[in-house]
N, C-alpha and C. Protein backbone atom coordinates (compact mmCIF):
# COMPACT_ATOMS: atom_id res chain seq x y z
N UNK A 1 66.41 108.25 -28.60
CA UNK A 1 66.57 108.73 -27.22
C UNK A 1 67.13 110.14 -27.23
N UNK A 2 66.63 110.98 -26.32
CA UNK A 2 67.12 112.34 -26.16
C UNK A 2 67.67 112.53 -24.76
N UNK A 3 68.27 113.70 -24.53
CA UNK A 3 68.75 114.07 -23.21
C UNK A 3 67.81 115.12 -22.64
N UNK A 4 67.37 114.91 -21.40
CA UNK A 4 66.45 115.85 -20.77
C UNK A 4 67.16 117.18 -20.52
N UNK A 5 66.38 118.27 -20.64
CA UNK A 5 66.97 119.61 -20.48
C UNK A 5 67.57 119.83 -19.09
N UNK A 6 67.08 119.11 -18.07
CA UNK A 6 67.64 119.26 -16.73
C UNK A 6 69.08 118.76 -16.65
N UNK A 7 69.49 117.98 -17.66
CA UNK A 7 70.82 117.38 -17.61
C UNK A 7 71.91 118.16 -18.29
N UNK A 8 71.56 119.19 -19.08
CA UNK A 8 72.57 119.88 -19.87
C UNK A 8 73.71 120.42 -19.00
N UNK A 9 73.36 121.10 -17.92
CA UNK A 9 74.40 121.69 -17.07
C UNK A 9 75.27 120.63 -16.43
N UNK A 10 74.65 119.55 -15.96
CA UNK A 10 75.41 118.51 -15.26
C UNK A 10 76.34 117.77 -16.23
N UNK A 11 75.86 117.55 -17.44
CA UNK A 11 76.71 116.88 -18.43
C UNK A 11 77.89 117.77 -18.80
N UNK A 12 77.64 119.07 -18.92
CA UNK A 12 78.72 120.01 -19.22
C UNK A 12 79.75 120.03 -18.09
N UNK A 13 79.27 120.07 -16.84
CA UNK A 13 80.18 120.06 -15.69
C UNK A 13 81.00 118.78 -15.66
N UNK A 14 80.33 117.63 -15.89
CA UNK A 14 81.03 116.35 -15.88
C UNK A 14 82.07 116.29 -16.99
N UNK A 15 81.75 116.84 -18.16
CA UNK A 15 82.68 116.84 -19.29
C UNK A 15 83.91 117.71 -18.99
N UNK A 16 83.69 118.90 -18.41
CA UNK A 16 84.79 119.79 -18.07
C UNK A 16 85.69 119.16 -17.00
N UNK A 17 85.09 118.57 -15.98
CA UNK A 17 85.88 117.93 -14.93
C UNK A 17 86.72 116.78 -15.49
N UNK A 18 86.10 115.98 -16.34
CA UNK A 18 86.84 114.87 -16.96
C UNK A 18 88.01 115.42 -17.77
N UNK A 19 87.78 116.49 -18.53
CA UNK A 19 88.85 117.09 -19.32
C UNK A 19 89.99 117.61 -18.46
N UNK A 20 89.64 118.27 -17.35
CA UNK A 20 90.67 118.80 -16.45
C UNK A 20 91.47 117.67 -15.80
N UNK A 21 90.77 116.63 -15.39
CA UNK A 21 91.46 115.49 -14.78
C UNK A 21 92.38 114.82 -15.80
N UNK A 22 91.88 114.65 -17.03
CA UNK A 22 92.69 114.02 -18.07
C UNK A 22 93.93 114.86 -18.38
N UNK A 23 93.75 116.18 -18.43
CA UNK A 23 94.88 117.08 -18.72
C UNK A 23 95.94 116.98 -17.62
N UNK A 24 95.49 117.02 -16.36
CA UNK A 24 96.43 116.92 -15.24
C UNK A 24 97.12 115.57 -15.19
N UNK A 25 96.37 114.53 -15.41
CA UNK A 25 96.95 113.18 -15.37
C UNK A 25 97.97 113.01 -16.49
N UNK A 26 97.67 113.54 -17.66
CA UNK A 26 98.57 113.39 -18.82
C UNK A 26 99.92 114.06 -18.55
N UNK A 27 99.89 115.23 -17.93
CA UNK A 27 101.12 115.98 -17.71
C UNK A 27 101.93 115.51 -16.51
N UNK A 28 101.26 114.90 -15.53
CA UNK A 28 101.97 114.56 -14.30
C UNK A 28 102.06 113.06 -14.02
N UNK A 29 101.15 112.29 -14.60
CA UNK A 29 101.14 110.86 -14.26
C UNK A 29 101.11 109.95 -15.49
N UNK A 30 101.32 110.53 -16.68
CA UNK A 30 101.20 109.70 -17.87
C UNK A 30 102.22 108.56 -17.87
N UNK A 31 103.38 108.81 -17.22
CA UNK A 31 104.38 107.75 -17.20
C UNK A 31 103.89 106.51 -16.45
N UNK A 32 102.93 106.71 -15.57
CA UNK A 32 102.31 105.57 -14.89
C UNK A 32 101.07 105.18 -15.70
N UNK A 33 101.32 104.56 -16.84
CA UNK A 33 100.26 104.37 -17.84
C UNK A 33 99.07 103.58 -17.32
N UNK A 34 99.31 102.58 -16.48
CA UNK A 34 98.21 101.77 -15.96
C UNK A 34 97.29 102.63 -15.11
N UNK A 35 97.88 103.44 -14.22
CA UNK A 35 97.09 104.33 -13.36
C UNK A 35 96.35 105.36 -14.21
N UNK A 36 97.02 105.91 -15.21
CA UNK A 36 96.40 106.92 -16.07
C UNK A 36 95.15 106.37 -16.74
N UNK A 37 95.27 105.21 -17.36
CA UNK A 37 94.12 104.66 -18.08
C UNK A 37 93.04 104.14 -17.14
N UNK A 38 93.42 103.73 -15.95
CA UNK A 38 92.41 103.32 -14.96
C UNK A 38 91.56 104.51 -14.54
N UNK A 39 92.23 105.64 -14.26
CA UNK A 39 91.49 106.84 -13.88
C UNK A 39 90.60 107.32 -15.03
N UNK A 40 91.12 107.22 -16.26
CA UNK A 40 90.30 107.62 -17.41
C UNK A 40 89.06 106.75 -17.55
N UNK A 41 89.21 105.46 -17.28
CA UNK A 41 88.07 104.56 -17.34
C UNK A 41 87.03 104.92 -16.29
N UNK A 42 87.49 105.21 -15.07
CA UNK A 42 86.57 105.60 -14.00
C UNK A 42 85.84 106.89 -14.37
N UNK A 43 86.59 107.86 -14.90
CA UNK A 43 85.97 109.13 -15.30
C UNK A 43 84.94 108.93 -16.41
N UNK A 44 85.27 108.06 -17.36
CA UNK A 44 84.32 107.80 -18.45
C UNK A 44 83.04 107.17 -17.90
N UNK A 45 83.18 106.21 -16.98
CA UNK A 45 81.99 105.55 -16.44
C UNK A 45 81.12 106.54 -15.67
N UNK A 46 81.75 107.43 -14.90
CA UNK A 46 80.98 108.43 -14.17
C UNK A 46 80.30 109.41 -15.13
N UNK A 47 81.02 109.83 -16.17
CA UNK A 47 80.46 110.73 -17.17
C UNK A 47 79.29 110.07 -17.89
N UNK A 48 79.45 108.80 -18.23
CA UNK A 48 78.38 108.08 -18.94
C UNK A 48 77.17 107.91 -18.04
N UNK A 49 77.41 107.70 -16.73
CA UNK A 49 76.28 107.56 -15.81
C UNK A 49 75.47 108.85 -15.74
N UNK A 50 76.15 110.00 -15.70
CA UNK A 50 75.45 111.28 -15.70
C UNK A 50 74.62 111.42 -16.98
N UNK A 51 75.22 111.08 -18.11
CA UNK A 51 74.51 111.13 -19.39
C UNK A 51 73.30 110.20 -19.37
N UNK A 52 73.49 108.98 -18.87
CA UNK A 52 72.43 107.98 -18.83
C UNK A 52 71.31 108.39 -17.89
N UNK A 53 71.65 109.03 -16.77
CA UNK A 53 70.65 109.43 -15.80
C UNK A 53 69.64 110.39 -16.41
N UNK A 54 70.10 111.30 -17.26
CA UNK A 54 69.24 112.32 -17.83
C UNK A 54 68.66 111.93 -19.19
N UNK A 55 68.67 110.64 -19.48
CA UNK A 55 68.12 110.18 -20.76
C UNK A 55 66.61 110.37 -20.79
N UNK A 56 66.09 110.57 -21.96
CA UNK A 56 64.66 110.70 -22.18
C UNK A 56 64.30 109.79 -23.36
N UNK A 57 64.02 108.51 -23.08
CA UNK A 57 63.81 107.55 -24.16
C UNK A 57 62.51 107.78 -24.91
N UNK A 58 62.50 107.40 -26.17
CA UNK A 58 61.27 107.44 -26.97
C UNK A 58 60.37 106.28 -26.54
N UNK A 59 59.09 106.56 -26.35
CA UNK A 59 58.17 105.53 -25.87
C UNK A 59 56.83 105.63 -26.59
N UNK A 60 56.18 104.48 -26.68
CA UNK A 60 54.79 104.43 -27.13
C UNK A 60 53.92 104.59 -25.88
N UNK A 61 53.43 105.79 -25.65
CA UNK A 61 52.70 106.10 -24.43
C UNK A 61 51.30 105.50 -24.45
N UNK A 62 50.78 105.25 -23.24
CA UNK A 62 49.45 104.68 -23.07
C UNK A 62 48.47 105.80 -22.69
N UNK A 63 47.28 105.76 -23.29
CA UNK A 63 46.27 106.79 -23.01
C UNK A 63 44.93 106.12 -22.73
N UNK A 64 44.08 106.81 -21.98
CA UNK A 64 42.74 106.30 -21.72
C UNK A 64 42.01 107.18 -20.73
N UNK A 65 40.75 107.48 -20.97
CA UNK A 65 39.99 108.36 -20.09
C UNK A 65 39.72 107.74 -18.73
N UNK A 66 39.62 106.43 -18.67
CA UNK A 66 39.27 105.76 -17.42
C UNK A 66 40.45 105.06 -16.76
N UNK A 67 41.66 105.38 -17.19
CA UNK A 67 42.84 104.73 -16.62
C UNK A 67 43.78 105.77 -16.02
N UNK A 68 44.51 105.33 -15.01
CA UNK A 68 45.54 106.15 -14.37
C UNK A 68 46.88 105.57 -14.78
N UNK A 69 47.69 106.38 -15.45
CA UNK A 69 48.98 105.92 -15.96
C UNK A 69 50.08 106.24 -14.95
N UNK A 70 51.07 105.37 -14.86
CA UNK A 70 52.16 105.59 -13.91
C UNK A 70 52.84 106.93 -14.18
N UNK A 71 53.05 107.75 -13.14
CA UNK A 71 53.71 109.03 -13.32
C UNK A 71 55.23 108.94 -13.36
N UNK A 72 55.77 107.74 -13.10
CA UNK A 72 57.23 107.61 -13.02
C UNK A 72 57.67 106.19 -13.29
N UNK A 73 58.93 106.04 -13.67
CA UNK A 73 59.57 104.73 -13.75
C UNK A 73 59.96 104.28 -12.35
N UNK A 74 59.97 102.98 -12.12
CA UNK A 74 60.45 102.49 -10.84
C UNK A 74 59.74 101.24 -10.39
N UNK A 75 59.75 101.02 -9.08
CA UNK A 75 59.14 99.84 -8.48
C UNK A 75 58.03 100.26 -7.53
N UNK A 76 56.90 99.55 -7.60
CA UNK A 76 55.78 99.82 -6.69
C UNK A 76 56.15 99.31 -5.30
N UNK A 77 56.18 100.22 -4.34
CA UNK A 77 56.61 99.85 -2.98
C UNK A 77 55.49 99.98 -1.95
N UNK A 78 54.41 100.68 -2.29
CA UNK A 78 53.29 100.85 -1.36
C UNK A 78 51.98 100.77 -2.12
N UNK A 79 51.05 99.96 -1.60
CA UNK A 79 49.64 99.98 -2.03
C UNK A 79 48.82 99.81 -0.77
N UNK A 80 48.20 100.91 -0.30
CA UNK A 80 47.48 100.81 0.97
C UNK A 80 46.51 101.98 1.13
N UNK A 81 45.51 101.78 1.96
CA UNK A 81 44.63 102.87 2.34
C UNK A 81 45.32 103.68 3.42
N UNK A 82 45.30 105.00 3.27
CA UNK A 82 45.96 105.86 4.25
C UNK A 82 45.28 107.21 4.29
N UNK A 83 45.48 107.93 5.36
CA UNK A 83 44.89 109.26 5.51
C UNK A 83 45.78 110.28 4.79
N UNK A 84 45.17 111.10 3.94
CA UNK A 84 45.93 112.14 3.23
C UNK A 84 45.61 113.48 3.91
N UNK A 85 46.59 114.08 4.59
CA UNK A 85 46.29 115.23 5.46
C UNK A 85 46.38 116.60 4.80
N UNK A 86 46.99 116.71 3.64
CA UNK A 86 47.27 118.03 3.09
C UNK A 86 46.13 118.63 2.28
N UNK A 87 45.51 117.85 1.42
CA UNK A 87 44.49 118.38 0.52
C UNK A 87 43.13 117.71 0.73
N UNK A 88 43.07 116.41 0.61
CA UNK A 88 41.78 115.72 0.72
C UNK A 88 41.30 115.64 2.17
N UNK A 89 42.26 115.46 3.09
CA UNK A 89 41.94 115.35 4.52
C UNK A 89 40.94 114.23 4.79
N UNK A 90 41.20 113.11 4.13
CA UNK A 90 40.38 111.91 4.31
C UNK A 90 41.18 110.71 3.83
N UNK A 91 40.63 109.53 4.03
CA UNK A 91 41.34 108.33 3.59
C UNK A 91 41.35 108.23 2.07
N UNK A 92 42.51 107.81 1.56
CA UNK A 92 42.70 107.63 0.13
C UNK A 92 43.49 106.36 -0.11
N UNK A 93 43.48 105.88 -1.34
CA UNK A 93 44.29 104.74 -1.73
C UNK A 93 45.65 105.26 -2.19
N UNK A 94 46.71 104.91 -1.46
CA UNK A 94 48.05 105.37 -1.80
C UNK A 94 48.79 104.31 -2.60
N UNK A 95 49.37 104.71 -3.72
CA UNK A 95 50.26 103.86 -4.50
C UNK A 95 51.57 104.62 -4.68
N UNK A 96 52.67 104.03 -4.27
CA UNK A 96 53.97 104.70 -4.30
C UNK A 96 54.93 103.97 -5.23
N UNK A 97 55.66 104.75 -6.03
CA UNK A 97 56.66 104.21 -6.95
C UNK A 97 58.03 104.75 -6.54
N UNK A 98 58.95 103.84 -6.23
CA UNK A 98 60.32 104.22 -5.86
C UNK A 98 61.20 104.25 -7.10
N UNK A 99 61.90 105.36 -7.30
CA UNK A 99 62.80 105.52 -8.43
C UNK A 99 64.24 105.41 -7.96
N UNK A 100 64.97 104.45 -8.47
CA UNK A 100 66.39 104.32 -8.14
C UNK A 100 67.20 105.25 -9.03
N UNK A 101 68.49 105.46 -8.72
CA UNK A 101 69.32 106.32 -9.57
C UNK A 101 69.46 105.81 -11.00
N UNK A 102 69.05 104.58 -11.27
CA UNK A 102 69.17 104.03 -12.63
C UNK A 102 67.91 104.24 -13.46
N UNK A 103 66.82 104.67 -12.84
CA UNK A 103 65.57 104.86 -13.56
C UNK A 103 65.54 106.18 -14.33
N UNK A 104 64.65 106.25 -15.32
CA UNK A 104 64.33 107.53 -15.96
C UNK A 104 63.56 108.36 -14.94
N UNK A 105 63.94 109.64 -14.77
CA UNK A 105 63.38 110.44 -13.69
C UNK A 105 62.39 111.52 -14.11
N UNK A 106 61.88 111.41 -15.31
CA UNK A 106 60.80 112.30 -15.75
C UNK A 106 59.52 111.93 -15.02
N UNK A 107 58.75 112.91 -14.61
CA UNK A 107 57.45 112.68 -13.98
C UNK A 107 56.34 113.17 -14.90
N UNK A 108 55.33 112.33 -15.11
CA UNK A 108 54.26 112.63 -16.07
C UNK A 108 52.90 112.64 -15.39
N UNK A 109 51.99 113.42 -15.93
CA UNK A 109 50.64 113.49 -15.38
C UNK A 109 49.90 112.18 -15.64
N UNK A 110 49.31 111.58 -14.61
CA UNK A 110 48.61 110.30 -14.79
C UNK A 110 47.30 110.40 -15.55
N UNK A 111 46.69 111.61 -15.57
CA UNK A 111 45.39 111.79 -16.21
C UNK A 111 45.33 113.16 -16.88
N UNK A 112 44.29 113.35 -17.70
CA UNK A 112 43.97 114.69 -18.19
C UNK A 112 43.28 115.48 -17.08
N UNK A 113 43.45 116.80 -17.09
CA UNK A 113 42.71 117.59 -16.12
C UNK A 113 43.31 118.94 -15.85
N UNK A 114 42.73 119.62 -14.88
CA UNK A 114 43.22 120.92 -14.44
C UNK A 114 44.02 120.74 -13.15
N UNK A 115 45.08 121.52 -13.02
CA UNK A 115 45.86 121.52 -11.78
C UNK A 115 45.10 122.36 -10.76
N UNK A 116 44.51 121.68 -9.78
CA UNK A 116 43.68 122.37 -8.80
C UNK A 116 44.46 122.83 -7.58
N UNK A 117 45.63 122.24 -7.39
CA UNK A 117 46.45 122.59 -6.22
C UNK A 117 47.89 122.24 -6.54
N UNK A 118 48.81 123.15 -6.22
CA UNK A 118 50.23 122.89 -6.43
C UNK A 118 51.00 123.57 -5.32
N UNK A 119 51.79 122.79 -4.58
CA UNK A 119 52.51 123.35 -3.45
C UNK A 119 53.88 122.68 -3.30
N UNK A 120 54.90 123.50 -3.12
CA UNK A 120 56.25 123.00 -2.85
C UNK A 120 56.52 123.09 -1.35
N UNK A 121 57.13 122.02 -0.79
CA UNK A 121 57.45 121.98 0.64
C UNK A 121 58.95 121.69 0.81
N UNK A 122 59.72 122.60 1.38
CA UNK A 122 61.10 122.25 1.74
C UNK A 122 61.07 121.22 2.87
N UNK A 123 62.15 120.48 3.04
CA UNK A 123 62.15 119.48 4.09
C UNK A 123 63.44 118.72 4.19
N UNK A 124 63.35 117.54 4.81
CA UNK A 124 64.52 116.71 5.07
C UNK A 124 64.86 115.87 3.84
N UNK A 125 65.87 115.00 4.00
CA UNK A 125 66.27 114.10 2.92
C UNK A 125 66.43 112.68 3.47
N UNK A 126 65.36 112.20 4.11
CA UNK A 126 65.34 110.81 4.56
C UNK A 126 65.34 109.90 3.34
N UNK A 127 65.77 108.65 3.52
CA UNK A 127 65.71 107.72 2.40
C UNK A 127 64.27 107.64 1.91
N UNK A 128 64.09 107.51 0.61
CA UNK A 128 62.77 107.66 0.00
C UNK A 128 61.76 106.63 0.46
N UNK A 129 62.23 105.47 0.94
CA UNK A 129 61.27 104.44 1.38
C UNK A 129 60.91 104.58 2.86
N UNK A 130 61.48 105.56 3.55
CA UNK A 130 61.15 105.80 4.95
C UNK A 130 59.68 106.22 5.07
N UNK A 131 58.93 105.67 6.05
CA UNK A 131 57.51 106.00 6.17
C UNK A 131 57.24 107.49 6.34
N UNK A 132 58.17 108.23 6.94
CA UNK A 132 57.95 109.65 7.18
C UNK A 132 58.41 110.54 6.03
N UNK A 133 58.98 109.93 4.98
CA UNK A 133 59.51 110.75 3.89
C UNK A 133 58.41 111.52 3.17
N UNK A 134 57.19 110.96 3.12
CA UNK A 134 56.10 111.62 2.39
C UNK A 134 55.57 112.85 3.11
N UNK A 135 55.92 113.02 4.40
CA UNK A 135 55.44 114.19 5.15
C UNK A 135 56.58 115.07 5.65
N UNK A 136 57.82 114.56 5.67
CA UNK A 136 58.92 115.33 6.23
C UNK A 136 60.00 115.70 5.22
N UNK A 137 60.08 114.99 4.10
CA UNK A 137 61.11 115.30 3.10
C UNK A 137 60.73 116.49 2.23
N UNK A 138 61.71 117.02 1.51
CA UNK A 138 61.40 117.99 0.46
C UNK A 138 60.44 117.32 -0.52
N UNK A 139 59.40 118.06 -0.94
CA UNK A 139 58.38 117.42 -1.76
C UNK A 139 57.52 118.47 -2.45
N UNK A 140 56.79 118.04 -3.46
CA UNK A 140 55.74 118.86 -4.04
C UNK A 140 54.44 118.06 -3.99
N UNK A 141 53.34 118.78 -3.95
CA UNK A 141 52.03 118.16 -3.99
C UNK A 141 51.24 118.79 -5.14
N UNK A 142 50.78 117.96 -6.05
CA UNK A 142 49.98 118.42 -7.19
C UNK A 142 48.67 117.65 -7.21
N UNK A 143 47.56 118.36 -7.32
CA UNK A 143 46.25 117.73 -7.45
C UNK A 143 45.72 118.03 -8.86
N UNK A 144 45.36 116.97 -9.57
CA UNK A 144 44.82 117.09 -10.92
C UNK A 144 43.42 116.50 -10.91
N UNK A 145 42.48 117.20 -11.56
CA UNK A 145 41.12 116.69 -11.57
C UNK A 145 40.41 116.95 -12.89
N UNK A 146 39.46 116.07 -13.19
CA UNK A 146 38.57 116.25 -14.34
C UNK A 146 37.17 115.84 -13.90
N UNK A 147 36.25 115.68 -14.85
CA UNK A 147 34.87 115.38 -14.46
C UNK A 147 34.67 113.93 -14.01
N UNK A 148 35.71 113.12 -14.06
CA UNK A 148 35.61 111.72 -13.65
C UNK A 148 36.44 111.39 -12.41
N UNK A 149 37.53 112.13 -12.21
CA UNK A 149 38.50 111.71 -11.19
C UNK A 149 39.31 112.90 -10.71
N UNK A 150 39.62 112.90 -9.43
CA UNK A 150 40.55 113.87 -8.85
C UNK A 150 41.59 113.08 -8.06
N UNK A 151 42.86 113.33 -8.33
CA UNK A 151 43.92 112.59 -7.64
C UNK A 151 45.06 113.53 -7.27
N UNK A 152 45.86 113.04 -6.33
CA UNK A 152 47.01 113.81 -5.85
C UNK A 152 48.29 113.07 -6.23
N UNK A 153 49.26 113.82 -6.73
CA UNK A 153 50.58 113.27 -7.07
C UNK A 153 51.61 114.00 -6.22
N UNK A 154 52.44 113.26 -5.52
CA UNK A 154 53.45 113.89 -4.66
C UNK A 154 54.85 113.43 -5.07
N UNK A 155 55.69 114.40 -5.45
CA UNK A 155 57.11 114.13 -5.70
C UNK A 155 57.84 114.23 -4.37
N UNK A 156 58.67 113.23 -4.06
CA UNK A 156 59.38 113.20 -2.78
C UNK A 156 60.87 113.03 -3.03
N UNK A 157 61.66 113.93 -2.49
CA UNK A 157 63.11 113.81 -2.58
C UNK A 157 63.59 112.70 -1.65
N UNK A 158 64.72 112.09 -1.98
CA UNK A 158 65.29 111.05 -1.15
C UNK A 158 66.64 111.47 -0.59
N UNK A 159 67.41 110.48 -0.12
CA UNK A 159 68.71 110.77 0.48
C UNK A 159 69.69 111.31 -0.56
N UNK A 160 69.56 110.86 -1.81
CA UNK A 160 70.44 111.34 -2.88
C UNK A 160 69.79 112.44 -3.70
N UNK A 161 68.47 112.41 -3.78
CA UNK A 161 67.77 113.42 -4.59
C UNK A 161 67.72 114.73 -3.83
N UNK A 162 68.38 115.74 -4.35
CA UNK A 162 68.45 117.02 -3.66
C UNK A 162 67.81 118.15 -4.45
N UNK A 163 67.07 117.78 -5.48
CA UNK A 163 66.47 118.85 -6.30
C UNK A 163 65.22 118.32 -6.96
N UNK A 164 64.08 118.87 -6.57
CA UNK A 164 62.82 118.56 -7.22
C UNK A 164 62.49 119.69 -8.20
N UNK A 165 62.20 119.34 -9.43
CA UNK A 165 61.82 120.31 -10.45
C UNK A 165 60.36 120.09 -10.80
N UNK A 166 59.61 121.17 -10.93
CA UNK A 166 58.21 121.05 -11.37
C UNK A 166 57.91 122.20 -12.31
N UNK A 167 57.03 121.94 -13.27
CA UNK A 167 56.81 122.86 -14.38
C UNK A 167 55.37 123.33 -14.51
N UNK A 168 54.54 123.09 -13.50
CA UNK A 168 53.13 123.47 -13.58
C UNK A 168 52.77 124.35 -12.39
N UNK A 169 51.63 125.01 -12.51
CA UNK A 169 51.10 125.84 -11.42
C UNK A 169 49.59 125.66 -11.38
N UNK A 170 48.99 126.11 -10.30
CA UNK A 170 47.53 126.01 -10.17
C UNK A 170 46.84 126.70 -11.34
N UNK A 171 45.83 126.03 -11.86
CA UNK A 171 45.08 126.58 -12.97
C UNK A 171 45.52 126.07 -14.33
N UNK A 172 46.70 125.48 -14.41
CA UNK A 172 47.17 124.93 -15.69
C UNK A 172 46.32 123.73 -16.10
N UNK A 173 46.17 123.55 -17.39
CA UNK A 173 45.56 122.35 -17.94
C UNK A 173 46.68 121.40 -18.36
N UNK A 174 46.59 120.15 -17.94
CA UNK A 174 47.60 119.16 -18.31
C UNK A 174 46.93 118.00 -19.04
N UNK A 175 47.65 117.42 -19.95
CA UNK A 175 47.18 116.24 -20.66
C UNK A 175 47.85 115.01 -20.07
N UNK A 176 47.17 113.90 -20.19
CA UNK A 176 47.73 112.64 -19.71
C UNK A 176 49.10 112.41 -20.34
N UNK A 177 50.07 112.10 -19.49
CA UNK A 177 51.46 111.82 -19.87
C UNK A 177 52.28 113.07 -20.18
N UNK A 178 51.69 114.27 -20.03
CA UNK A 178 52.49 115.49 -20.12
C UNK A 178 53.53 115.48 -19.00
N UNK A 179 54.71 115.96 -19.31
CA UNK A 179 55.77 116.06 -18.30
C UNK A 179 55.46 117.21 -17.36
N UNK A 180 55.38 116.91 -16.05
CA UNK A 180 55.12 117.98 -15.08
C UNK A 180 56.30 118.22 -14.14
N UNK A 181 57.30 117.32 -14.15
CA UNK A 181 58.41 117.51 -13.24
C UNK A 181 59.53 116.51 -13.46
N UNK A 182 60.56 116.67 -12.63
CA UNK A 182 61.77 115.84 -12.72
C UNK A 182 62.41 115.85 -11.33
N UNK A 183 62.93 114.70 -10.90
CA UNK A 183 63.64 114.63 -9.62
C UNK A 183 65.03 114.06 -9.88
N UNK A 184 66.03 114.75 -9.38
CA UNK A 184 67.41 114.35 -9.67
C UNK A 184 67.93 113.33 -8.65
N UNK A 185 68.42 112.21 -9.16
CA UNK A 185 69.24 111.25 -8.44
C UNK A 185 68.51 110.38 -7.42
N UNK A 186 67.30 109.92 -7.75
CA UNK A 186 66.66 108.89 -6.95
C UNK A 186 65.63 109.43 -5.97
N UNK A 187 64.44 108.88 -5.92
CA UNK A 187 63.40 109.43 -5.08
C UNK A 187 62.14 108.57 -5.16
N UNK A 188 60.97 109.22 -4.91
CA UNK A 188 59.71 108.49 -4.88
C UNK A 188 58.58 109.39 -5.35
N UNK A 189 57.56 108.78 -5.95
CA UNK A 189 56.34 109.49 -6.33
C UNK A 189 55.16 108.74 -5.71
N UNK A 190 54.31 109.49 -5.00
CA UNK A 190 53.11 108.92 -4.39
C UNK A 190 51.88 109.37 -5.17
N UNK A 191 50.95 108.45 -5.33
CA UNK A 191 49.63 108.75 -5.90
C UNK A 191 48.58 108.52 -4.82
N UNK A 192 47.62 109.44 -4.71
CA UNK A 192 46.51 109.26 -3.79
C UNK A 192 45.22 109.27 -4.61
N UNK A 193 44.54 108.13 -4.61
CA UNK A 193 43.38 107.90 -5.46
C UNK A 193 42.14 107.65 -4.60
N UNK A 194 40.94 107.79 -5.18
CA UNK A 194 39.72 107.42 -4.45
C UNK A 194 39.78 105.95 -4.02
N UNK A 195 39.13 105.65 -2.90
CA UNK A 195 39.21 104.29 -2.34
C UNK A 195 38.60 103.24 -3.25
N UNK A 196 37.67 103.63 -4.12
CA UNK A 196 37.03 102.64 -4.99
C UNK A 196 37.77 102.42 -6.30
N UNK A 197 38.95 103.00 -6.44
CA UNK A 197 39.75 102.81 -7.66
C UNK A 197 40.25 101.38 -7.74
N UNK A 198 40.22 100.79 -8.92
CA UNK A 198 40.69 99.43 -9.13
C UNK A 198 42.18 99.44 -9.48
N UNK A 199 42.98 98.76 -8.67
CA UNK A 199 44.43 98.78 -8.85
C UNK A 199 44.85 97.72 -9.87
N UNK A 200 45.75 98.10 -10.77
CA UNK A 200 46.21 97.19 -11.83
C UNK A 200 47.67 96.76 -11.66
N UNK A 201 48.28 97.12 -10.53
CA UNK A 201 49.67 96.72 -10.27
C UNK A 201 49.75 96.06 -8.90
N UNK A 202 50.90 95.48 -8.60
CA UNK A 202 51.09 94.84 -7.30
C UNK A 202 52.43 95.27 -6.72
N UNK A 203 52.59 95.04 -5.43
CA UNK A 203 53.83 95.39 -4.74
C UNK A 203 55.01 94.68 -5.41
N UNK A 204 56.07 95.43 -5.65
CA UNK A 204 57.27 94.87 -6.26
C UNK A 204 57.28 94.93 -7.77
N UNK A 205 56.17 95.31 -8.39
CA UNK A 205 56.11 95.38 -9.84
C UNK A 205 56.90 96.58 -10.37
N UNK A 206 57.62 96.36 -11.44
CA UNK A 206 58.37 97.43 -12.09
C UNK A 206 57.47 98.10 -13.11
N UNK A 207 57.36 99.42 -13.03
CA UNK A 207 56.45 100.17 -13.90
C UNK A 207 57.24 101.20 -14.71
N UNK A 208 56.62 101.65 -15.80
CA UNK A 208 57.21 102.68 -16.65
C UNK A 208 56.30 103.89 -16.72
N UNK A 209 56.89 105.06 -16.52
CA UNK A 209 56.13 106.29 -16.59
C UNK A 209 55.57 106.51 -17.98
N UNK A 210 54.28 106.83 -18.05
CA UNK A 210 53.64 107.07 -19.33
C UNK A 210 53.21 105.82 -20.06
N UNK A 211 53.52 104.66 -19.52
CA UNK A 211 53.23 103.39 -20.22
C UNK A 211 52.34 102.47 -19.38
N UNK A 212 52.73 102.23 -18.12
CA UNK A 212 52.05 101.24 -17.29
C UNK A 212 50.74 101.79 -16.71
N UNK A 213 49.68 101.00 -16.83
CA UNK A 213 48.41 101.35 -16.20
C UNK A 213 48.50 101.02 -14.72
N UNK A 214 48.40 102.05 -13.88
CA UNK A 214 48.47 101.88 -12.44
C UNK A 214 47.12 101.43 -11.88
N UNK A 215 46.04 102.05 -12.41
CA UNK A 215 44.69 101.76 -11.89
C UNK A 215 43.67 102.19 -12.94
N UNK A 216 42.41 101.85 -12.67
CA UNK A 216 41.34 102.23 -13.59
C UNK A 216 40.04 102.44 -12.85
N UNK A 217 39.13 103.10 -13.48
CA UNK A 217 37.80 103.31 -12.95
C UNK A 217 36.83 102.34 -13.58
N UNK A 218 35.80 101.93 -12.86
CA UNK A 218 34.78 101.04 -13.43
C UNK A 218 33.96 101.76 -14.49
C-alpha cells in the first residue's frame, strides 16, 4: 500500500498539529495523566484516519475492451435511464457510485480512449446523494470515447468533499484504469452509458475502482 500524492500536505499538517498539541499538553496538563493520554489517543486516531483516507492500495486491476470498469470505490446508489443535458443531450443509462469518507478516493478511467470533453463546474456542496447534486454541486465532467463506446464520467463533490482534483484535459489519451482524478473526503461519481449497455451491478452493491465490472457491451 502507498500514500496518494494528494495526501502529503494533509498528513504533514496533521502530524504538526498533533506534535503541537502533544507539546502543549505535556507542559501544561501532563499532571492530569488520564486526560493527557486520552487526548493523545484522540489525536492519534484522527491522524491515522487522515493517513488511511489517502491510502492507495495495491490491486489486481481488471481489463477488457468490451467492459466498463468501476471508476471509484463505494456503493452503487443509482441505476436508471435519465436525460444527460451537458454533453450528450439525450437519454443515457446513469450508474452512480457513492464514496463514503472511508473509501479509497482515487478515480480511474472506466475504458481506454481519448478525452473528448473535460469541464470543471464550481457549485454547491449538497449531500452527494441529493438528486440535484449532479447538476448543482461542484463537479467535473469528462467524456472518454473509443471506436466501440463513448461515455461520460462526472466527479461530484459532497457536503464534506470540498476539493475535486483532476489530471486530464481534452485531447489526452487515457488507458483503462488510469488515474484521472481524486475527490477529498466523500462524494459521488456518475457514469452515463448508452441505453443498450448491459449492467453487471445492482443497487446497493459495493464496488472497487479498477476492479469491479460495472457494465459490458454485447
